[in-house]
Amino acid sequence: MTHEQVKAAFFAESFDLVGATESQVEKLDEWLDKNDYYATAWERWNDMQEEMRGLRMEAEIEFA
């Protein structure tokens, strides 16, 4: 994902943000802080990562 795609996913509150790397989330968080936004990128990304882990576990159980 490009930085612009990461920003767009963040502002759209899209689950696509789950595809961002940690370094991309760090860059987004810094950009948000620099531009006077409440920097919640890490919190949102971590929540999505946790949700993704849950979905993977459900899929493994269902299709095992």
PDB file of N, CA and C in Angstrom:
ATOM      1  N   MET A   1       0.844  -1.183   0.000  1.00  0.00           N
ATOM      2  CA  MET A   1       0.000   0.000   0.000  1.00  0.00           C
ATOM      3  C   MET A   1       0.888   1.244   0.000  1.00  0.00           C
ATOM      4  N   THR A   2       0.435   2.241  -0.699  1.00  0.00           N
ATOM      5  CA  THR A   2       1.143   3.515  -0.663  1.00  0.00           C
ATOM      6  C   THR A   2       0.677   4.295   0.570  1.00  0.00           C
ATOM      7  N   HIS A   3       1.411   5.355   0.878  1.00  0.00           N
ATOM      8  CA  HIS A   3       1.024   6.187   2.020  1.00  0.00           C
ATOM      9  C   HIS A   3      -0.367   6.783   1.794  1.00  0.00           C
ATOM     10  N   GLU A   4      -0.647   7.184   0.559  1.00  0.00           N
ATOM     11  CA  GLU A   4      -1.969   7.747   0.250  1.00  0.00           C
ATOM     12  C   GLU A   4      -3.069   6.702   0.414  1.00  0.00           C
ATOM     13  N   GLN A   5      -2.806   5.464   0.054  1.00  0.00           N
ATOM     14  CA  GLN A   5      -3.797   4.393   0.231  1.00  0.00           C
ATOM     15  C   GLN A   5      -4.032   4.112   1.712  1.00  0.00           C
ATOM     16  N   VAL A   6      -2.963   4.162   2.492  1.00  0.00           N
ATOM     17  CA  VAL A   6      -3.083   3.945   3.943  1.00  0.00           C
ATOM     18  C   VAL A   6      -3.911   5.067   4.560  1.00  0.00           C
ATOM     19  N   LYS A   7      -3.628   6.310   4.169  1.00  0.00           N
ATOM     20  CA  LYS A   7      -4.409   7.449   4.681  1.00  0.00           C
ATOM     21  C   LYS A   7      -5.869   7.323   4.275  1.00  0.00           C
ATOM     22  N   ALA A   8      -6.110   6.961   3.020  1.00  0.00           N
ATOM     23  CA  ALA A   8      -7.494   6.832   2.543  1.00  0.00           C
ATOM     24  C   ALA A   8      -8.228   5.743   3.312  1.00  0.00           C
ATOM     25  N   ALA A   9      -7.577   4.627   3.554  1.00  0.00           N
ATOM     26  CA  ALA A   9      -8.198   3.540   4.320  1.00  0.00           C
ATOM     27  C   ALA A   9      -8.492   3.986   5.745  1.00  0.00           C
ATOM     28  N   PHE A  10      -7.569   4.741   6.334  1.00  0.00           N
ATOM     29  CA  PHE A  10      -7.766   5.238   7.700  1.00  0.00           C
ATOM     30  C   PHE A  10      -8.982   6.163   7.764  1.00  0.00           C
ATOM     31  N   PHE A  11      -9.034   7.152   6.884  1.00  0.00           N
ATOM     32  CA  PHE A  11     -10.124   8.122   6.930  1.00  0.00           C
ATOM     33  C   PHE A  11     -11.467   7.522   6.518  1.00  0.00           C
ATOM     34  N   ALA A  12     -11.437   6.492   5.683  1.00  0.00           N
ATOM     35  CA  ALA A  12     -12.674   5.813   5.294  1.00  0.00           C
ATOM     36  C   ALA A  12     -13.090   4.770   6.329  1.00  0.00           C
ATOM     37  N   GLU A  13     -12.251   4.602   7.350  1.00  0.00           N
ATOM     38  CA  GLU A  13     -12.469   3.583   8.372  1.00  0.00           C
ATOM     39  C   GLU A  13     -12.648   2.215   7.723  1.00  0.00           C
ATOM     40  N   SER A  14     -11.823   1.984   6.710  1.00  0.00           N
ATOM     41  CA  SER A  14     -11.887   0.758   5.926  1.00  0.00           C
ATOM     42  C   SER A  14     -11.033  -0.338   6.548  1.00  0.00           C
ATOM     43  N   PHE A  15     -11.523  -1.573   6.438  1.00  0.00           N
ATOM     44  CA  PHE A  15     -10.767  -2.722   6.926  1.00  0.00           C
ATOM     45  C   PHE A  15      -9.499  -2.945   6.100  1.00  0.00           C
ATOM     46  N   ASP A  16      -9.379  -2.249   4.958  1.00  0.00           N
ATOM     47  CA  ASP A  16      -8.172  -2.336   4.132  1.00  0.00           C
ATOM     48  C   ASP A  16      -6.932  -1.922   4.916  1.00  0.00           C
ATOM     49  N   LEU A  17      -7.103  -1.141   5.962  1.00  0.00           N
ATOM     50  CA  LEU A  17      -5.981  -0.707   6.784  1.00  0.00           C
ATOM     51  C   LEU A  17      -5.230  -1.894   7.367  1.00  0.00           C
ATOM     52  N   VAL A  18      -5.903  -3.028   7.514  1.00  0.00           N
ATOM     53  CA  VAL A  18      -5.269  -4.217   8.063  1.00  0.00           C
ATOM     54  C   VAL A  18      -4.085  -4.661   7.196  1.00  0.00           C
ATOM     55  N   GLY A  19      -4.076  -4.288   5.925  1.00  0.00           N
ATOM     56  CA  GLY A  19      -2.999  -4.660   5.015  1.00  0.00           C
ATOM     57  C   GLY A  19      -1.767  -3.790   5.109  1.00  0.00           C
ATOM     58  N   ALA A  20      -1.817  -2.744   5.910  1.00  0.00           N
ATOM     59  CA  ALA A  20      -0.666  -1.852   6.060  1.00  0.00           C
ATOM     60  C   ALA A  20       0.396  -2.500   6.947  1.00  0.00           C
ATOM     61  N   THR A  21       1.638  -2.176   6.677  1.00  0.00           N
ATOM     62  CA  THR A  21       2.735  -2.678   7.505  1.00  0.00           C
ATOM     63  C   THR A  21       2.888  -1.793   8.740  1.00  0.00           C
ATOM     64  N   GLU A  22       3.657  -2.277   9.702  1.00  0.00           N
ATOM     65  CA  GLU A  22       3.903  -1.485  10.905  1.00  0.00           C
ATOM     66  C   GLU A  22       4.589  -0.165  10.569  1.00  0.00           C
ATOM     67  N   SER A  23       5.521  -0.182   9.629  1.00  0.00           N
ATOM     68  CA  SER A  23       6.208   1.061   9.265  1.00  0.00           C
ATOM     69  C   SER A  23       5.245   2.039   8.590  1.00  0.00           C
ATOM     70  N   GLN A  24       4.284   1.527   7.824  1.00  0.00           N
ATOM     71  CA  GLN A  24       3.287   2.400   7.209  1.00  0.00           C
ATOM     72  C   GLN A  24       2.367   3.005   8.266  1.00  0.00           C
ATOM     73  N   VAL A  25       2.019   2.218   9.268  1.00  0.00           N
ATOM     74  CA  VAL A  25       1.167   2.723  10.350  1.00  0.00           C
ATOM     75  C   VAL A  25       1.930   3.781  11.148  1.00  0.00           C
ATOM     76  N   GLU A  26       3.210   3.548  11.377  1.00  0.00           N
ATOM     77  CA  GLU A  26       4.041   4.536  12.082  1.00  0.00           C
ATOM     78  C   GLU A  26       4.081   5.842  11.298  1.00  0.00           C
ATOM     79  N   LYS A  27       4.289   5.745   9.998  1.00  0.00           N
ATOM     80  CA  LYS A  27       4.333   6.938   9.148  1.00  0.00           C
ATOM     81  C   LYS A  27       2.993   7.665   9.175  1.00  0.00           C
ATOM     82  N   LEU A  28       1.893   6.912   9.107  1.00  0.00           N
ATOM     83  CA  LEU A  28       0.560   7.511   9.179  1.00  0.00           C
ATOM     84  C   LEU A  28       0.349   8.190  10.515  1.00  0.00           C
ATOM     85  N   ASP A  29       0.726   7.532  11.593  1.00  0.00           N
ATOM     86  CA  ASP A  29       0.568   8.095  12.931  1.00  0.00           C
ATOM     87  C   ASP A  29       1.334   9.414  13.056  1.00  0.00           C
ATOM     88  N   GLU A  30       2.537   9.444  12.526  1.00  0.00           N
ATOM     89  CA  GLU A  30       3.338  10.675  12.553  1.00  0.00           C
ATOM     90  C   GLU A  30       2.680  11.767  11.717  1.00  0.00           C
ATOM     91  N   TRP A  31       2.152  11.394  10.548  1.00  0.00           N
ATOM     92  CA  TRP A  31       1.479  12.361   9.689  1.00  0.00           C
ATOM     93  C   TRP A  31       0.240  12.929  10.382  1.00  0.00           C
ATOM     94  N   LEU A  32      -0.543  12.057  11.012  1.00  0.00           N
ATOM     95  CA  LEU A  32      -1.740  12.505  11.725  1.00  0.00           C
ATOM     96  C   LEU A  32      -1.374  13.501  12.819  1.00  0.00           C
ATOM     97  N   ASP A  33      -0.360  13.168  13.599  1.00  0.00           N
ATOM     98  CA  ASP A  33       0.074  14.038  14.692  1.00  0.00           C
ATOM     99  C   ASP A  33       0.564  15.381  14.155  1.00  0.00           C
ATOM    100  N   LYS A  34       1.340  15.333  13.093  1.00  0.00           N
ATOM    101  CA  LYS A  34       1.894  16.551  12.490  1.00  0.00           C
ATOM    102  C   LYS A  34       0.799  17.455  11.939  1.00  0.00           C
ATOM    103  N   ASN A  35      -0.295  16.872  11.481  1.00  0.00           N
ATOM    104  CA  ASN A  35      -1.380  17.626  10.861  1.00  0.00           C
ATOM    105  C   ASN A  35      -2.561  17.844  11.803  1.00  0.00           C
ATOM    106  N   ASP A  36      -2.292  17.785  13.094  1.00  0.00           N
ATOM    107  CA  ASP A  36      -3.270  18.115  14.140  1.00  0.00           C
ATOM    108  C   ASP A  36      -4.504  17.214  14.160  1.00  0.00           C
ATOM    109  N   TYR A  37      -4.323  15.959  13.779  1.00  0.00           N
ATOM    110  CA  TYR A  37      -5.381  14.962  13.953  1.00  0.00           C
ATOM    111  C   TYR A  37      -5.078  14.180  15.224  1.00  0.00           C
ATOM    112  N   TYR A  38      -6.121  13.648  15.832  1.00  0.00           N
ATOM    113  CA  TYR A  38      -5.918  12.756  16.961  1.00  0.00           C
ATOM    114  C   TYR A  38      -5.391  11.447  16.405  1.00  0.00           C
ATOM    115  N   ALA A  39      -4.149  11.133  16.695  1.00  0.00           N
ATOM    116  CA  ALA A  39      -3.459   9.995  16.084  1.00  0.00           C
ATOM    117  C   ALA A  39      -3.901   8.675  16.712  1.00  0.00           C
ATOM    118  N   THR A  40      -4.849   8.025  16.056  1.00  0.00           N
ATOM    119  CA  THR A  40      -5.357   6.736  16.536  1.00  0.00           C
ATOM    120  C   THR A  40      -5.002   5.600  15.581  1.00  0.00           C
ATOM    121  N   ALA A  41      -4.036   5.824  14.710  1.00  0.00           N
ATOM    122  CA  ALA A  41      -3.701   4.820  13.699  1.00  0.00           C
ATOM    123  C   ALA A  41      -3.301   3.496  14.332  1.00  0.00           C
ATOM    124  N   TRP A  42      -2.440   3.544  15.350  1.00  0.00           N
ATOM    125  CA  TRP A  42      -1.991   2.289  15.984  1.00  0.00           C
ATOM    126  C   TRP A  42      -3.149   1.555  16.630  1.00  0.00           C
ATOM    127  N   GLU A  43      -3.984   2.282  17.335  1.00  0.00           N
ATOM    128  CA  GLU A  43      -5.120   1.652  18.016  1.00  0.00           C
ATOM    129  C   GLU A  43      -6.043   0.968  17.009  1.00  0.00           C
ATOM    130  N   ARG A  44      -6.380   1.681  15.935  1.00  0.00           N
ATOM    131  CA  ARG A  44      -7.284   1.120  14.930  1.00  0.00           C
ATOM    132  C   ARG A  44      -6.638  -0.068  14.229  1.00  0.00           C
ATOM    133  N   TRP A  45      -5.349   0.059  13.887  1.00  0.00           N
ATOM    134  CA  TRP A  45      -4.641  -1.023  13.202  1.00  0.00           C
ATOM    135  C   TRP A  45      -4.558  -2.261  14.087  1.00  0.00           C
ATOM    136  N   ASN A  46      -4.243  -2.062  15.377  1.00  0.00           N
ATOM    137  CA  ASN A  46      -4.174  -3.196  16.305  1.00  0.00           C
ATOM    138  C   ASN A  46      -5.524  -3.877  16.456  1.00  0.00           C
ATOM    139  N   ASP A  47      -6.591  -3.101  16.531  1.00  0.00           N
ATOM    140  CA  ASP A  47      -7.937  -3.677  16.618  1.00  0.00           C
ATOM    141  C   ASP A  47      -8.249  -4.526  15.380  1.00  0.00           C
ATOM    142  N   MET A  48      -7.869  -4.007  14.222  1.00  0.00           N
ATOM    143  CA  MET A  48      -8.120  -4.747  12.983  1.00  0.00           C
ATOM    144  C   MET A  48      -7.268  -6.007  12.898  1.00  0.00           C
ATOM    145  N   GLN A  49      -6.029  -5.936  13.374  1.00  0.00           N
ATOM    146  CA  GLN A  49      -5.167  -7.115  13.385  1.00  0.00           C
ATOM    147  C   GLN A  49      -5.769  -8.194  14.285  1.00  0.00           C
ATOM    148  N   GLU A  50      -6.288  -7.783  15.435  1.00  0.00           N
ATOM    149  CA  GLU A  50      -6.916  -8.730  16.357  1.00  0.00           C
ATOM    150  C   GLU A  50      -8.155  -9.363  15.725  1.00  0.00           C
ATOM    151  N   GLU A  51      -8.950  -8.545  15.053  1.00  0.00           N
ATOM    152  CA  GLU A  51     -10.139  -9.069  14.384  1.00  0.00           C
ATOM    153  C   GLU A  51      -9.742 -10.059  13.283  1.00  0.00           C
ATOM    154  N   MET A  52      -8.687  -9.739  12.547  1.00  0.00           N
ATOM    155  CA  MET A  52      -8.215 -10.618  11.480  1.00  0.00           C
ATOM    156  C   MET A  52      -7.738 -11.956  12.050  1.00  0.00           C
ATOM    157  N   ARG A  53      -7.045 -11.925  13.186  1.00  0.00           N
ATOM    158  CA  ARG A  53      -6.612 -13.173  13.829  1.00  0.00           C
ATOM    159  C   ARG A  53      -7.821 -14.028  14.194  1.00  0.00           C
ATOM    160  N   GLY A  54      -8.856 -13.393  14.713  1.00  0.00           N
ATOM    161  CA  GLY A  54     -10.078 -14.114  15.060  1.00  0.00           C
ATOM    162  C   GLY A  54     -10.740 -14.743  13.843  1.00  0.00           C
ATOM    163  N   LEU A  55     -10.789 -14.003  12.751  1.00  0.00           N
ATOM    164  CA  LEU A  55     -11.379 -14.538  11.519  1.00  0.00           C
ATOM    165  C   LEU A  55     -10.578 -15.718  10.990  1.00  0.00           C
ATOM    166  N   ARG A  56      -9.251 -15.623  11.087  1.00  0.00           N
ATOM    167  CA  ARG A  56      -8.406 -16.732  10.628  1.00  0.00           C
ATOM    168  C   ARG A  56      -8.626 -17.974  11.492  1.00  0.00           C
ATOM    169  N   MET A  57      -8.739 -17.764  12.797  1.00  0.00           N
ATOM    170  CA  MET A  57      -8.976 -18.895  13.697  1.00  0.00           C
ATOM    171  C   MET A  57     -10.315 -19.559  13.380  1.00  0.00           C
ATOM    172  N   GLU A  58     -11.356 -18.748  13.158  1.00  0.00           N
ATOM    173  CA  GLU A  58     -12.663 -19.292  12.814  1.00  0.00           C
ATOM    174  C   GLU A  58     -12.594 -20.092  11.521  1.00  0.00           C
ATOM    175  N   ALA A  59     -11.870 -19.572  10.535  1.00  0.00           N
ATOM    176  CA  ALA A  59     -11.747 -20.261   9.246  1.00  0.00           C
ATOM    177  C   ALA A  59     -10.983 -21.579   9.406  1.00  0.00           C
ATOM    178  N   GLU A  60      -9.932 -21.575  10.225  1.00  0.00           N
ATOM    179  CA  GLU A  60      -9.168 -22.797  10.449  1.00  0.00           C
ATOM    180  C   GLU A  60     -10.033 -23.870  11.101  1.00  0.00           C
ATOM    181  N   ILE A  61     -10.848 -23.471  12.049  1.00  0.00           N
ATOM    182  CA  ILE A  61     -11.737 -24.424  12.737  1.00  0.00           C
ATOM    183  C   ILE A  61     -12.790 -24.951  11.765  1.00  0.00           C
ATOM    184  N   GLU A  62     -13.391 -24.035  11.000  1.00  0.00           N
ATOM    185  CA  GLU A  62     -14.468 -24.435  10.096  1.00  0.00           C
ATOM    186  C   GLU A  62     -13.977 -25.298   8.948  1.00  0.00           C
ATOM    187  N   PHE A  63     -12.796 -25.024   8.434  1.00  0.00           N
ATOM    188  CA  PHE A  63     -12.323 -25.724   7.245  1.00  0.00           C
ATOM    189  C   PHE A  63     -11.205 -26.723   7.535  1.00  0.00           C
ATOM    190  N   ALA A  64     -10.974 -27.040   8.800  1.00  0.00           N
ATOM    191  CA  ALA A  64      -9.913 -27.984   9.144  1.00  0.00           C
ATOM    192  C   ALA A  64     -10.284 -29.416   8.842  1.00  0.00           C
TER     193      ALA A  64
END
